[in-house]
Amino acid sequence: MLLGKGTLGGERVLSRASVELMTMDHLTPGQKVEKDAFGDHFGRHGGFGFGMAVRTHRRDLASPGQFGWDGGLGTTAYADPSEGLTGILLTQSAMDSPHTPRLHRDFWTTTYQAIS
């Protein structure tokens, strides 16, 4: 539905403007400096929309505009409008280990390499 700009199965669920607001970065420059002071703890994506992370720059294979979330209990789910891609990885490995973030990076790297 979010990749469809608010439509699902030909039916409008959210307005296009609502989806645009949800998936655009709303952090101020000062908030970004504060967020980045914590390193990768608050994400490598750059910004935050309404309820999700929003990629503001290319730092790996994902396109700017990608949006989604990494959950503390090992999930990762993002959508990339530029690629028409949605990916979801569900694990039972909390983010309190260095292995889970590495697994997420490997999952997304493999996903993007498969479509390149």
N, C-alpha and C. Protein backbone atom coordinates (compact mmCIF):
# COMPACT_ATOMS: atom_id res chain seq x y z
N MET A 1 0.82 -1.19 0.00
CA MET A 1 0.00 0.00 0.00
C MET A 1 0.87 1.26 0.00
N LEU A 2 1.95 1.27 0.80
CA LEU A 2 2.80 2.46 0.82
C LEU A 2 3.57 2.61 -0.49
N LEU A 3 4.02 1.49 -1.08
CA LEU A 3 4.67 1.59 -2.39
C LEU A 3 3.68 2.01 -3.46
N GLY A 4 2.41 1.71 -3.24
CA GLY A 4 1.35 2.11 -4.17
C GLY A 4 0.83 3.51 -3.91
N LYS A 5 1.56 4.26 -3.13
CA LYS A 5 1.20 5.65 -2.80
C LYS A 5 -0.20 5.77 -2.19
N GLY A 6 -0.57 4.74 -1.39
CA GLY A 6 -1.83 4.79 -0.66
C GLY A 6 -2.93 3.92 -1.22
N THR A 7 -2.66 3.21 -2.32
CA THR A 7 -3.67 2.33 -2.88
C THR A 7 -3.27 0.87 -2.68
N LEU A 8 -4.26 0.02 -2.56
CA LEU A 8 -4.04 -1.41 -2.43
C LEU A 8 -5.16 -2.12 -3.18
N GLY A 9 -4.78 -2.95 -4.13
CA GLY A 9 -5.79 -3.65 -4.92
C GLY A 9 -6.72 -2.71 -5.66
N GLY A 10 -6.20 -1.57 -6.09
CA GLY A 10 -7.01 -0.60 -6.82
C GLY A 10 -7.87 0.29 -5.94
N GLU A 11 -7.86 0.07 -4.64
CA GLU A 11 -8.65 0.88 -3.70
C GLU A 11 -7.75 1.86 -2.96
N ARG A 12 -8.19 3.08 -2.83
CA ARG A 12 -7.45 4.08 -2.07
C ARG A 12 -7.69 3.86 -0.58
N VAL A 13 -6.59 3.68 0.17
CA VAL A 13 -6.64 3.48 1.61
C VAL A 13 -6.18 4.74 2.33
N LEU A 14 -5.10 5.33 1.84
CA LEU A 14 -4.57 6.59 2.37
C LEU A 14 -4.39 7.56 1.21
N SER A 15 -4.47 8.83 1.52
CA SER A 15 -4.23 9.81 0.46
C SER A 15 -2.75 9.79 0.08
N ARG A 16 -2.47 10.14 -1.17
CA ARG A 16 -1.10 10.22 -1.65
C ARG A 16 -0.28 11.16 -0.76
N ALA A 17 -0.89 12.29 -0.38
CA ALA A 17 -0.20 13.26 0.47
C ALA A 17 0.14 12.66 1.84
N SER A 18 -0.74 11.85 2.39
CA SER A 18 -0.47 11.19 3.68
C SER A 18 0.73 10.27 3.58
N VAL A 19 0.79 9.49 2.51
CA VAL A 19 1.92 8.57 2.32
C VAL A 19 3.21 9.36 2.13
N GLU A 20 3.16 10.43 1.38
CA GLU A 20 4.35 11.26 1.20
C GLU A 20 4.85 11.81 2.54
N LEU A 21 3.93 12.27 3.39
CA LEU A 21 4.31 12.76 4.70
C LEU A 21 4.90 11.66 5.58
N MET A 22 4.33 10.47 5.51
CA MET A 22 4.81 9.35 6.31
C MET A 22 6.22 8.94 5.93
N THR A 23 6.54 9.04 4.64
CA THR A 23 7.79 8.48 4.13
C THR A 23 8.85 9.52 3.80
N MET A 24 8.68 10.74 4.28
CA MET A 24 9.72 11.76 4.08
C MET A 24 10.37 12.10 5.42
N ASP A 25 11.59 12.55 5.36
CA ASP A 25 12.36 12.87 6.56
C ASP A 25 11.82 14.15 7.21
N HIS A 26 11.60 14.09 8.53
CA HIS A 26 11.10 15.24 9.27
C HIS A 26 12.08 15.74 10.33
N LEU A 27 13.30 15.20 10.35
CA LEU A 27 14.27 15.66 11.35
C LEU A 27 14.87 16.99 10.94
N THR A 28 15.10 17.83 11.93
CA THR A 28 15.81 19.09 11.70
C THR A 28 17.31 18.79 11.62
N PRO A 29 18.10 19.70 11.08
CA PRO A 29 19.54 19.47 11.07
C PRO A 29 20.11 19.23 12.47
N GLY A 30 19.63 19.94 13.47
CA GLY A 30 20.09 19.74 14.83
C GLY A 30 19.75 18.36 15.36
N GLN A 31 18.57 17.87 15.05
CA GLN A 31 18.18 16.53 15.48
C GLN A 31 19.03 15.46 14.81
N LYS A 32 19.42 15.69 13.55
CA LYS A 32 20.28 14.73 12.85
C LYS A 32 21.65 14.66 13.50
N VAL A 33 22.20 15.82 13.88
CA VAL A 33 23.50 15.84 14.56
C VAL A 33 23.41 15.06 15.86
N GLU A 34 22.35 15.28 16.61
CA GLU A 34 22.15 14.57 17.88
C GLU A 34 21.99 13.07 17.65
N LYS A 35 21.21 12.69 16.65
CA LYS A 35 21.01 11.27 16.33
C LYS A 35 22.32 10.62 15.91
N ASP A 36 23.08 11.29 15.05
CA ASP A 36 24.32 10.71 14.54
C ASP A 36 25.41 10.61 15.61
N ALA A 37 25.27 11.36 16.69
CA ALA A 37 26.25 11.28 17.78
C ALA A 37 26.24 9.90 18.44
N PHE A 38 25.16 9.15 18.25
CA PHE A 38 25.05 7.81 18.82
C PHE A 38 25.56 6.74 17.86
N GLY A 39 26.19 7.14 16.76
CA GLY A 39 26.70 6.17 15.80
C GLY A 39 25.57 5.48 15.07
N ASP A 40 25.72 4.18 14.85
CA ASP A 40 24.71 3.42 14.11
C ASP A 40 23.55 2.96 14.99
N HIS A 41 23.57 3.31 16.27
CA HIS A 41 22.53 2.84 17.18
C HIS A 41 21.13 3.27 16.71
N PHE A 42 21.01 4.47 16.13
CA PHE A 42 19.72 4.94 15.65
C PHE A 42 19.63 4.88 14.13
N GLY A 43 20.41 4.00 13.53
CA GLY A 43 20.26 3.74 12.10
C GLY A 43 21.25 4.44 11.22
N ARG A 44 21.46 3.82 10.07
CA ARG A 44 22.38 4.33 9.06
C ARG A 44 21.62 5.03 7.95
N HIS A 45 20.34 5.21 8.12
CA HIS A 45 19.47 5.68 7.05
C HIS A 45 19.42 7.18 6.90
N GLY A 46 19.65 7.95 7.94
CA GLY A 46 19.67 9.40 7.82
C GLY A 46 18.54 10.13 8.50
N GLY A 47 17.30 9.69 8.35
CA GLY A 47 16.20 10.46 8.90
C GLY A 47 15.04 9.61 9.38
N PHE A 48 13.99 10.30 9.81
CA PHE A 48 12.79 9.63 10.28
C PHE A 48 11.56 10.30 9.70
N GLY A 49 10.61 9.47 9.25
CA GLY A 49 9.31 9.95 8.81
C GLY A 49 8.34 9.79 9.96
N PHE A 50 7.07 9.62 9.64
CA PHE A 50 6.07 9.39 10.68
C PHE A 50 6.00 7.89 10.96
N GLY A 51 6.73 7.44 11.98
CA GLY A 51 6.68 6.05 12.40
C GLY A 51 7.67 5.13 11.73
N MET A 52 8.64 5.67 10.99
CA MET A 52 9.60 4.80 10.31
C MET A 52 10.87 5.55 9.95
N ALA A 53 11.90 4.78 9.71
CA ALA A 53 13.16 5.33 9.23
C ALA A 53 13.02 5.68 7.75
N VAL A 54 13.73 6.72 7.33
CA VAL A 54 13.72 7.14 5.93
C VAL A 54 15.17 7.36 5.49
N ARG A 55 15.57 6.69 4.43
CA ARG A 55 16.94 6.85 3.92
C ARG A 55 17.04 8.17 3.17
N THR A 56 17.96 9.02 3.63
CA THR A 56 18.14 10.33 3.01
C THR A 56 19.36 10.41 2.11
N HIS A 57 20.19 9.38 2.15
CA HIS A 57 21.41 9.38 1.34
C HIS A 57 21.82 7.93 1.06
N ARG A 58 22.61 7.76 0.03
CA ARG A 58 23.09 6.42 -0.31
C ARG A 58 24.34 6.15 0.52
N ARG A 59 24.25 5.13 1.36
CA ARG A 59 25.38 4.73 2.18
C ARG A 59 25.76 3.29 1.90
N ASP A 60 24.89 2.59 1.24
CA ASP A 60 25.14 1.22 0.80
C ASP A 60 24.32 1.01 -0.47
N LEU A 61 23.80 -0.16 -0.71
CA LEU A 61 23.09 -0.42 -1.96
C LEU A 61 21.66 0.12 -2.00
N ALA A 62 21.09 0.44 -0.85
CA ALA A 62 19.70 0.92 -0.81
C ALA A 62 19.60 2.34 -1.37
N SER A 63 18.48 2.62 -2.00
CA SER A 63 18.24 3.92 -2.63
C SER A 63 17.77 4.95 -1.61
N PRO A 64 18.15 6.23 -1.80
CA PRO A 64 17.50 7.27 -1.00
C PRO A 64 15.99 7.20 -1.23
N GLY A 65 15.23 7.37 -0.17
CA GLY A 65 13.78 7.23 -0.24
C GLY A 65 13.28 5.91 0.32
N GLN A 66 14.19 4.96 0.54
CA GLN A 66 13.81 3.70 1.17
C GLN A 66 13.26 4.01 2.57
N PHE A 67 12.25 3.27 3.00
CA PHE A 67 11.69 3.51 4.32
C PHE A 67 11.32 2.20 4.99
N GLY A 68 11.33 2.19 6.31
CA GLY A 68 10.97 0.99 7.07
C GLY A 68 11.50 1.06 8.48
N TRP A 69 11.85 -0.11 9.04
CA TRP A 69 12.25 -0.13 10.44
C TRP A 69 13.02 -1.40 10.76
N ASP A 70 14.01 -1.26 11.65
CA ASP A 70 14.69 -2.40 12.26
C ASP A 70 14.17 -2.53 13.68
N GLY A 71 13.61 -3.67 14.00
CA GLY A 71 13.05 -3.88 15.33
C GLY A 71 14.09 -4.40 16.31
N GLY A 72 13.93 -4.07 17.56
CA GLY A 72 14.86 -4.46 18.60
C GLY A 72 14.91 -5.96 18.86
N LEU A 73 13.91 -6.69 18.40
CA LEU A 73 13.90 -8.13 18.60
C LEU A 73 14.28 -8.89 17.34
N GLY A 74 14.99 -8.21 16.43
CA GLY A 74 15.60 -8.90 15.30
C GLY A 74 14.90 -8.81 13.97
N THR A 75 13.84 -8.03 13.86
CA THR A 75 13.15 -7.91 12.57
C THR A 75 13.73 -6.74 11.78
N THR A 76 13.62 -6.81 10.48
CA THR A 76 13.93 -5.69 9.60
C THR A 76 12.93 -5.73 8.45
N ALA A 77 12.32 -4.59 8.17
CA ALA A 77 11.33 -4.50 7.10
C ALA A 77 11.45 -3.12 6.45
N TYR A 78 11.72 -3.10 5.16
CA TYR A 78 11.86 -1.84 4.42
C TYR A 78 11.21 -1.98 3.05
N ALA A 79 10.85 -0.83 2.50
CA ALA A 79 10.34 -0.75 1.13
C ALA A 79 11.18 0.29 0.40
N ASP A 80 11.45 0.03 -0.85
CA ASP A 80 12.27 0.94 -1.67
C ASP A 80 11.47 1.30 -2.91
N PRO A 81 10.88 2.51 -2.92
CA PRO A 81 10.06 2.92 -4.08
C PRO A 81 10.84 2.94 -5.39
N SER A 82 12.11 3.31 -5.36
CA SER A 82 12.91 3.37 -6.60
C SER A 82 13.05 2.01 -7.26
N GLU A 83 13.12 0.97 -6.44
CA GLU A 83 13.30 -0.39 -6.95
C GLU A 83 12.01 -1.19 -6.97
N GLY A 84 10.92 -0.65 -6.41
CA GLY A 84 9.68 -1.40 -6.31
C GLY A 84 9.86 -2.64 -5.43
N LEU A 85 10.67 -2.50 -4.39
CA LEU A 85 11.10 -3.62 -3.57
C LEU A 85 10.56 -3.52 -2.15
N THR A 86 10.08 -4.63 -1.62
CA THR A 86 9.75 -4.75 -0.21
C THR A 86 10.48 -5.98 0.31
N GLY A 87 11.15 -5.81 1.44
CA GLY A 87 11.86 -6.93 2.06
C GLY A 87 11.56 -7.00 3.53
N ILE A 88 11.37 -8.22 4.02
CA ILE A 88 11.08 -8.44 5.44
C ILE A 88 11.90 -9.63 5.90
N LEU A 89 12.62 -9.45 6.99
CA LEU A 89 13.36 -10.54 7.62
C LEU A 89 12.91 -10.62 9.07
N LEU A 90 12.41 -11.77 9.47
CA LEU A 90 11.95 -11.99 10.83
C LEU A 90 12.89 -12.98 11.50
N THR A 91 13.50 -12.57 12.59
CA THR A 91 14.37 -13.47 13.34
C THR A 91 13.91 -13.48 14.79
N GLN A 92 14.51 -14.33 15.56
CA GLN A 92 14.29 -14.34 17.00
C GLN A 92 15.62 -14.11 17.68
N SER A 93 16.35 -13.15 17.16
CA SER A 93 17.68 -12.82 17.66
C SER A 93 17.70 -11.33 17.96
N ALA A 94 17.65 -10.98 19.23
CA ALA A 94 17.56 -9.57 19.63
C ALA A 94 18.77 -8.78 19.17
N MET A 95 18.61 -7.47 19.12
CA MET A 95 19.67 -6.57 18.68
C MET A 95 20.73 -6.34 19.77
N ASP A 96 20.79 -7.20 20.76
CA ASP A 96 21.78 -7.05 21.82
C ASP A 96 23.05 -7.84 21.52
N SER A 97 23.16 -8.33 20.32
CA SER A 97 24.32 -9.10 19.89
C SER A 97 24.86 -8.48 18.60
N PRO A 98 26.16 -8.53 18.35
CA PRO A 98 26.68 -8.00 17.08
C PRO A 98 26.27 -8.84 15.88
N HIS A 99 25.77 -10.05 16.12
CA HIS A 99 25.41 -10.94 15.02
C HIS A 99 24.13 -10.49 14.30
N THR A 100 23.17 -9.94 15.04
CA THR A 100 21.90 -9.56 14.41
C THR A 100 22.07 -8.40 13.44
N PRO A 101 22.73 -7.30 13.80
CA PRO A 101 22.94 -6.24 12.81
C PRO A 101 23.73 -6.73 11.59
N ARG A 102 24.67 -7.63 11.80
CA ARG A 102 25.44 -8.19 10.68
C ARG A 102 24.51 -9.02 9.78
N LEU A 103 23.62 -9.79 10.40
CA LEU A 103 22.64 -10.56 9.63
C LEU A 103 21.75 -9.63 8.80
N HIS A 104 21.30 -8.53 9.39
CA HIS A 104 20.48 -7.55 8.66
C HIS A 104 21.26 -7.00 7.46
N ARG A 105 22.50 -6.59 7.68
CA ARG A 105 23.31 -6.05 6.58
C ARG A 105 23.48 -7.09 5.47
N ASP A 106 23.75 -8.33 5.85
CA ASP A 106 23.92 -9.39 4.85
C ASP A 106 22.63 -9.63 4.08
N PHE A 107 21.50 -9.62 4.79
CA PHE A 107 20.20 -9.81 4.14
C PHE A 107 19.96 -8.72 3.10
N TRP A 108 20.15 -7.46 3.48
CA TRP A 108 19.89 -6.36 2.55
C TRP A 108 20.91 -6.31 1.42
N THR A 109 22.16 -6.60 1.71
CA THR A 109 23.17 -6.63 0.65
C THR A 109 22.82 -7.70 -0.38
N THR A 110 22.49 -8.89 0.08
CA THR A 110 22.11 -9.98 -0.82
C THR A 110 20.86 -9.64 -1.61
N THR A 111 19.88 -9.04 -0.96
CA THR A 111 18.64 -8.64 -1.64
C THR A 111 18.92 -7.66 -2.77
N TYR A 112 19.68 -6.61 -2.47
CA TYR A 112 19.96 -5.61 -3.51
C TYR A 112 20.88 -6.15 -4.60
N GLN A 113 21.80 -7.02 -4.25
CA GLN A 113 22.66 -7.61 -5.28
C GLN A 113 21.86 -8.48 -6.23
N ALA A 114 20.81 -9.11 -5.72
CA ALA A 114 19.98 -9.98 -6.56
C ALA A 114 19.18 -9.20 -7.61
N ILE A 115 18.89 -7.92 -7.35
CA ILE A 115 18.09 -7.15 -8.31
C ILE A 115 18.95 -6.23 -9.18
N SER A 116 20.22 -6.13 -8.88
CA SER A 116 21.10 -5.21 -9.64
C SER A 116 21.42 -5.74 -11.01
